[in-house]
Amino acid sequence: ENDRGRIEQVLLNLLSNALKFTPTGGQIVVLAEMTPTDNSIAISVKDTGIGINREDQKKIFQQFGRVTNDQTLRMNPQGTGLGLWICTQLCHYLGGLPLHLESDYGKGATFTFFITQNLTAPNSISQTNSPMKTLGIKDTSTIDLRMENEK
């Protein structure tokens, strides 16, 4: 039960960041996949938002570390720089694997975390043909959640 709360907290923080930094018309995709080599689950939040410069990528995982430029301050003026640091601490408790980031400035970001403790998954989870969930951002107050095959 504690692991469930940690997973939810990490996922909600990553989704919240994706929503803050993805402009209207962008997309946010959440994907969960079984990794065949170590029986873990990789959970990714991918967005088509503003992305993160290489120089800032290590800083955002530090306590109080945040990107401060005109664009990020306009999109998230109240940010404290604690969210991703807390996520890294929670990921440590979920199996010790670090929160992973792939991003190019102006092209979005993908954050991935791994769940490795005591996994026993039914066959349906390990199937690779399960539909992907996509969040389409229509405006700042509307989120369109649909199955990929419902397009």
C-alpha atoms as a PDB file:
ATOM      1  CA  GLU A   1       0.000   0.000   0.000  1.00  0.00           C
ATOM      2  CA  ASN A   2       2.861   2.396   0.747  1.00  0.00           C
ATOM      3  CA  ASP A   3       4.425   1.625  -2.628  1.00  0.00           C
ATOM      4  CA  ARG A   4       1.120   2.429  -4.311  1.00  0.00           C
ATOM      5  CA  GLY A   5       1.100   5.863  -2.673  1.00  0.00           C
ATOM      6  CA  ARG A   6       4.694   6.504  -3.754  1.00  0.00           C
ATOM      7  CA  ILE A   7       3.944   5.454  -7.323  1.00  0.00           C
ATOM      8  CA  GLU A   8       0.884   7.712  -7.409  1.00  0.00           C
ATOM      9  CA  GLN A   9       2.871  10.647  -6.019  1.00  0.00           C
ATOM     10  CA  VAL A  10       5.634  10.278  -8.628  1.00  0.00           C
ATOM     11  CA  LEU A  11       3.154   9.843 -11.475  1.00  0.00           C
ATOM     12  CA  LEU A  12       1.005  12.789 -10.381  1.00  0.00           C
ATOM     13  CA  ASN A  13       4.046  15.053 -10.081  1.00  0.00           C
ATOM     14  CA  LEU A  14       5.295  14.085 -13.550  1.00  0.00           C
ATOM     15  CA  LEU A  15       1.823  14.616 -15.031  1.00  0.00           C
ATOM     16  CA  SER A  16       1.481  17.948 -13.260  1.00  0.00           C
ATOM     17  CA  ASN A  17       4.806  19.128 -14.685  1.00  0.00           C
ATOM     18  CA  ALA A  18       3.866  17.917 -18.156  1.00  0.00           C
ATOM     19  CA  LEU A  19       0.596  19.845 -17.968  1.00  0.00           C
ATOM     20  CA  LYS A  20       2.349  23.017 -16.772  1.00  0.00           C
ATOM     21  CA  PHE A  21       4.995  22.977 -19.488  1.00  0.00           C
ATOM     22  CA  THR A  22       3.014  21.698 -22.489  1.00  0.00           C
ATOM     23  CA  PRO A  23       1.229  24.437 -24.402  1.00  0.00           C
ATOM     24  CA  THR A  24      -2.315  24.239 -25.726  1.00  0.00           C
ATOM     25  CA  GLY A  25      -2.508  21.749 -28.593  1.00  0.00           C
ATOM     26  CA  GLY A  26       0.365  19.638 -27.235  1.00  0.00           C
ATOM     27  CA  GLN A  27       0.211  16.004 -26.191  1.00  0.00           C
ATOM     28  CA  ILE A  28       1.054  14.058 -23.067  1.00  0.00           C
ATOM     29  CA  VAL A  29       1.439  10.276 -23.246  1.00  0.00           C
ATOM     30  CA  VAL A  30       1.634   7.921 -20.257  1.00  0.00           C
ATOM     31  CA  LEU A  31       3.084   4.501 -20.985  1.00  0.00           C
ATOM     32  CA  ALA A  32       3.717   1.516 -18.708  1.00  0.00           C
ATOM     33  CA  GLU A  33       5.783  -1.391 -20.019  1.00  0.00           C
ATOM     34  CA  MET A  34       7.192  -4.566 -18.523  1.00  0.00           C
ATOM     35  CA  THR A  35      10.948  -4.725 -18.979  1.00  0.00           C
ATOM     36  CA  PRO A  36      11.836  -8.264 -20.077  1.00  0.00           C
ATOM     37  CA  THR A  37      15.316  -8.371 -18.535  1.00  0.00           C
ATOM     38  CA  ASP A  38      14.653  -7.621 -14.876  1.00  0.00           C
ATOM     39  CA  ASN A  39      10.894  -8.060 -14.351  1.00  0.00           C
ATOM     40  CA  SER A  40      10.343  -4.384 -13.607  1.00  0.00           C
ATOM     41  CA  ILE A  41       7.786  -1.944 -14.935  1.00  0.00           C
ATOM     42  CA  ALA A  42       8.934   1.222 -16.695  1.00  0.00           C
ATOM     43  CA  ILE A  43       6.409   4.058 -16.409  1.00  0.00           C
ATOM     44  CA  SER A  44       6.985   7.021 -18.724  1.00  0.00           C
ATOM     45  CA  VAL A  45       5.357  10.431 -19.036  1.00  0.00           C
ATOM     46  CA  LYS A  46       6.176  11.957 -22.415  1.00  0.00           C
ATOM     47  CA  ASP A  47       5.132  15.439 -23.501  1.00  0.00           C
ATOM     48  CA  THR A  48       5.502  17.756 -26.464  1.00  0.00           C
ATOM     49  CA  GLY A  49       6.184  20.716 -24.191  1.00  0.00           C
ATOM     50  CA  ILE A  50       9.033  23.195 -24.005  1.00  0.00           C
ATOM     51  CA  GLY A  51      11.733  20.658 -23.134  1.00  0.00           C
ATOM     52  CA  ILE A  52      14.803  21.157 -20.956  1.00  0.00           C
ATOM     53  CA  ASN A  53      18.273  22.353 -21.971  1.00  0.00           C
ATOM     54  CA  ARG A  54      21.094  19.841 -21.385  1.00  0.00           C
ATOM     55  CA  GLU A  55      22.754  22.284 -18.950  1.00  0.00           C
ATOM     56  CA  ASP A  56      19.615  22.365 -16.774  1.00  0.00           C
ATOM     57  CA  GLN A  57      18.843  18.635 -16.776  1.00  0.00           C
ATOM     58  CA  LYS A  58      20.951  17.691 -13.728  1.00  0.00           C
ATOM     59  CA  LYS A  59      19.900  20.801 -11.816  1.00  0.00           C
ATOM     60  CA  ILE A  60      16.180  19.971 -11.888  1.00  0.00           C
ATOM     61  CA  PHE A  61      16.717  16.795  -9.827  1.00  0.00           C
ATOM     62  CA  GLN A  62      18.465  18.693  -7.033  1.00  0.00           C
ATOM     63  CA  GLN A  63      16.660  20.070  -3.997  1.00  0.00           C
ATOM     64  CA  PHE A  64      15.287  23.532  -4.921  1.00  0.00           C
ATOM     65  CA  GLY A  65      16.680  23.110  -8.445  1.00  0.00           C
ATOM     66  CA  ARG A  66      14.545  24.608 -11.172  1.00  0.00           C
ATOM     67  CA  VAL A  67      14.947  26.150 -14.582  1.00  0.00           C
ATOM     68  CA  THR A  68      14.431  29.881 -14.346  1.00  0.00           C
ATOM     69  CA  ASN A  69      13.969  31.654 -17.635  1.00  0.00           C
ATOM     70  CA  ASP A  70      11.196  33.879 -18.966  1.00  0.00           C
ATOM     71  CA  GLN A  71       9.266  30.941 -20.401  1.00  0.00           C
ATOM     72  CA  THR A  72       9.344  28.684 -17.316  1.00  0.00           C
ATOM     73  CA  LEU A  73       8.612  31.544 -14.943  1.00  0.00           C
ATOM     74  CA  ARG A  74       5.590  32.499 -17.040  1.00  0.00           C
ATOM     75  CA  MET A  75       4.296  28.909 -17.192  1.00  0.00           C
ATOM     76  CA  ASN A  76       4.972  28.024 -13.525  1.00  0.00           C
ATOM     77  CA  PRO A  77       5.722  31.085 -11.394  1.00  0.00           C
ATOM     78  CA  GLN A  78       5.009  29.314  -8.075  1.00  0.00           C
ATOM     79  CA  GLY A  79       7.374  26.365  -8.585  1.00  0.00           C
ATOM     80  CA  THR A  80       9.674  25.576  -5.665  1.00  0.00           C
ATOM     81  CA  GLY A  81      12.099  23.160  -7.292  1.00  0.00           C
ATOM     82  CA  LEU A  82      11.151  20.351  -4.917  1.00  0.00           C
ATOM     83  CA  GLY A  83       8.866  18.155  -7.027  1.00  0.00           C
ATOM     84  CA  LEU A  84      11.453  16.259  -9.068  1.00  0.00           C
ATOM     85  CA  TRP A  85      13.816  16.048  -6.098  1.00  0.00           C
ATOM     86  CA  ILE A  86      11.032  14.377  -4.078  1.00  0.00           C
ATOM     87  CA  CYS A  87      10.353  12.066  -7.034  1.00  0.00           C
ATOM     88  CA  THR A  88      14.008  10.968  -7.067  1.00  0.00           C
ATOM     89  CA  GLN A  89      13.781  10.149  -3.351  1.00  0.00           C
ATOM     90  CA  LEU A  90      10.581   8.146  -3.895  1.00  0.00           C
ATOM     91  CA  CYS A  91      12.130   6.288  -6.857  1.00  0.00           C
ATOM     92  CA  HIS A  92      14.939   5.219  -4.545  1.00  0.00           C
ATOM     93  CA  TYR A  93      12.366   3.544  -2.278  1.00  0.00           C
ATOM     94  CA  LEU A  94      10.630   1.915  -5.248  1.00  0.00           C
ATOM     95  CA  GLY A  95      13.690  -0.114  -6.164  1.00  0.00           C
ATOM     96  CA  GLY A  96      16.684   2.158  -6.283  1.00  0.00           C
ATOM     97  CA  LEU A  97      16.648   2.989  -9.973  1.00  0.00           C
ATOM     98  CA  PRO A  98      16.963   6.707 -10.743  1.00  0.00           C
ATOM     99  CA  LEU A  99      14.344   8.827 -12.443  1.00  0.00           C
ATOM    100  CA  HIS A 100      15.416   9.001 -16.088  1.00  0.00           C
ATOM    101  CA  LEU A 101      15.048  12.030 -18.369  1.00  0.00           C
ATOM    102  CA  GLU A 102      15.290  12.385 -22.133  1.00  0.00           C
ATOM    103  CA  SER A 103      14.727  15.905 -23.434  1.00  0.00           C
ATOM    104  CA  ASP A 104      15.723  18.441 -26.035  1.00  0.00           C
ATOM    105  CA  TYR A 105      14.856  22.079 -25.558  1.00  0.00           C
ATOM    106  CA  GLY A 106      11.828  22.977 -27.655  1.00  0.00           C
ATOM    107  CA  LYS A 107      10.932  19.333 -28.353  1.00  0.00           C
ATOM    108  CA  GLY A 108       9.403  18.076 -25.116  1.00  0.00           C
ATOM    109  CA  ALA A 109      10.540  15.689 -22.417  1.00  0.00           C
ATOM    110  CA  THR A 110      10.149  12.071 -21.358  1.00  0.00           C
ATOM    111  CA  PHE A 111      10.506  11.154 -17.685  1.00  0.00           C
ATOM    112  CA  THR A 112      10.688   7.434 -16.840  1.00  0.00           C
ATOM    113  CA  PHE A 113      10.705   5.694 -13.486  1.00  0.00           C
ATOM    114  CA  PHE A 114      10.900   2.007 -12.663  1.00  0.00           C
ATOM    115  CA  ILE A 115       9.054  -0.213 -10.211  1.00  0.00           C
ATOM    116  CA  THR A 116      11.154  -3.241  -9.298  1.00  0.00           C
ATOM    117  CA  GLN A 117      10.030  -4.574  -5.929  1.00  0.00           C
ATOM    118  CA  ASN A 118       8.098  -7.844  -5.704  1.00  0.00           C
ATOM    119  CA  LEU A 119       6.437  -7.763  -9.084  1.00  0.00           C
ATOM    120  CA  THR A 120       4.116 -10.520 -10.156  1.00  0.00           C
ATOM    121  CA  ALA A 121       2.265  -9.383 -13.239  1.00  0.00           C
ATOM    122  CA  PRO A 122      -0.632 -11.120 -14.947  1.00  0.00           C
ATOM    123  CA  ASN A 123      -0.068 -12.025 -18.600  1.00  0.00           C
ATOM    124  CA  SER A 124      -2.221  -9.129 -19.809  1.00  0.00           C
ATOM    125  CA  ILE A 125       0.220  -6.551 -18.414  1.00  0.00           C
ATOM    126  CA  SER A 126       3.181  -7.972 -20.291  1.00  0.00           C
ATOM    127  CA  GLN A 127       1.444  -7.851 -23.677  1.00  0.00           C
ATOM    128  CA  THR A 128       2.977  -5.202 -25.899  1.00  0.00           C
ATOM    129  CA  ASN A 129      -0.149  -4.613 -27.991  1.00  0.00           C
ATOM    130  CA  SER A 130      -2.143  -2.882 -25.251  1.00  0.00           C
ATOM    131  CA  PRO A 131      -3.430   0.565 -26.286  1.00  0.00           C
ATOM    132  CA  MET A 132      -1.627   3.696 -25.227  1.00  0.00           C
ATOM    133  CA  LYS A 133      -3.353   6.480 -23.309  1.00  0.00           C
ATOM    134  CA  THR A 134      -2.909   9.983 -24.674  1.00  0.00           C
ATOM    135  CA  LEU A 135      -3.729  13.314 -23.102  1.00  0.00           C
ATOM    136  CA  GLY A 136      -4.561  15.946 -25.681  1.00  0.00           C
ATOM    137  CA  ILE A 137      -4.516  19.473 -24.322  1.00  0.00           C
ATOM    138  CA  LYS A 138      -7.341  21.501 -25.867  1.00  0.00           C
ATOM    139  CA  ASP A 139      -7.054  24.531 -23.588  1.00  0.00           C
ATOM    140  CA  THR A 140      -5.889  25.226 -20.060  1.00  0.00           C
ATOM    141  CA  SER A 141      -9.086  23.882 -18.498  1.00  0.00           C
ATOM    142  CA  THR A 142      -9.769  20.816 -20.671  1.00  0.00           C
ATOM    143  CA  ILE A 143      -7.851  17.564 -20.934  1.00  0.00           C
ATOM    144  CA  ASP A 144      -8.907  14.947 -23.474  1.00  0.00           C
ATOM    145  CA  LEU A 145      -8.020  11.424 -22.296  1.00  0.00           C
ATOM    146  CA  ARG A 146      -8.638   8.753 -24.884  1.00  0.00           C
ATOM    147  CA  MET A 147      -7.408   5.365 -25.893  1.00  0.00           C
ATOM    148  CA  GLU A 148      -4.997   5.473 -28.832  1.00  0.00           C
ATOM    149  CA  ASN A 149      -7.270   3.224 -30.924  1.00  0.00           C
ATOM    150  CA  GLU A 150     -10.220   5.653 -30.501  1.00  0.00           C
ATOM    151  CA  LYS A 151      -8.714   8.313 -32.806  1.00  0.00           C
END
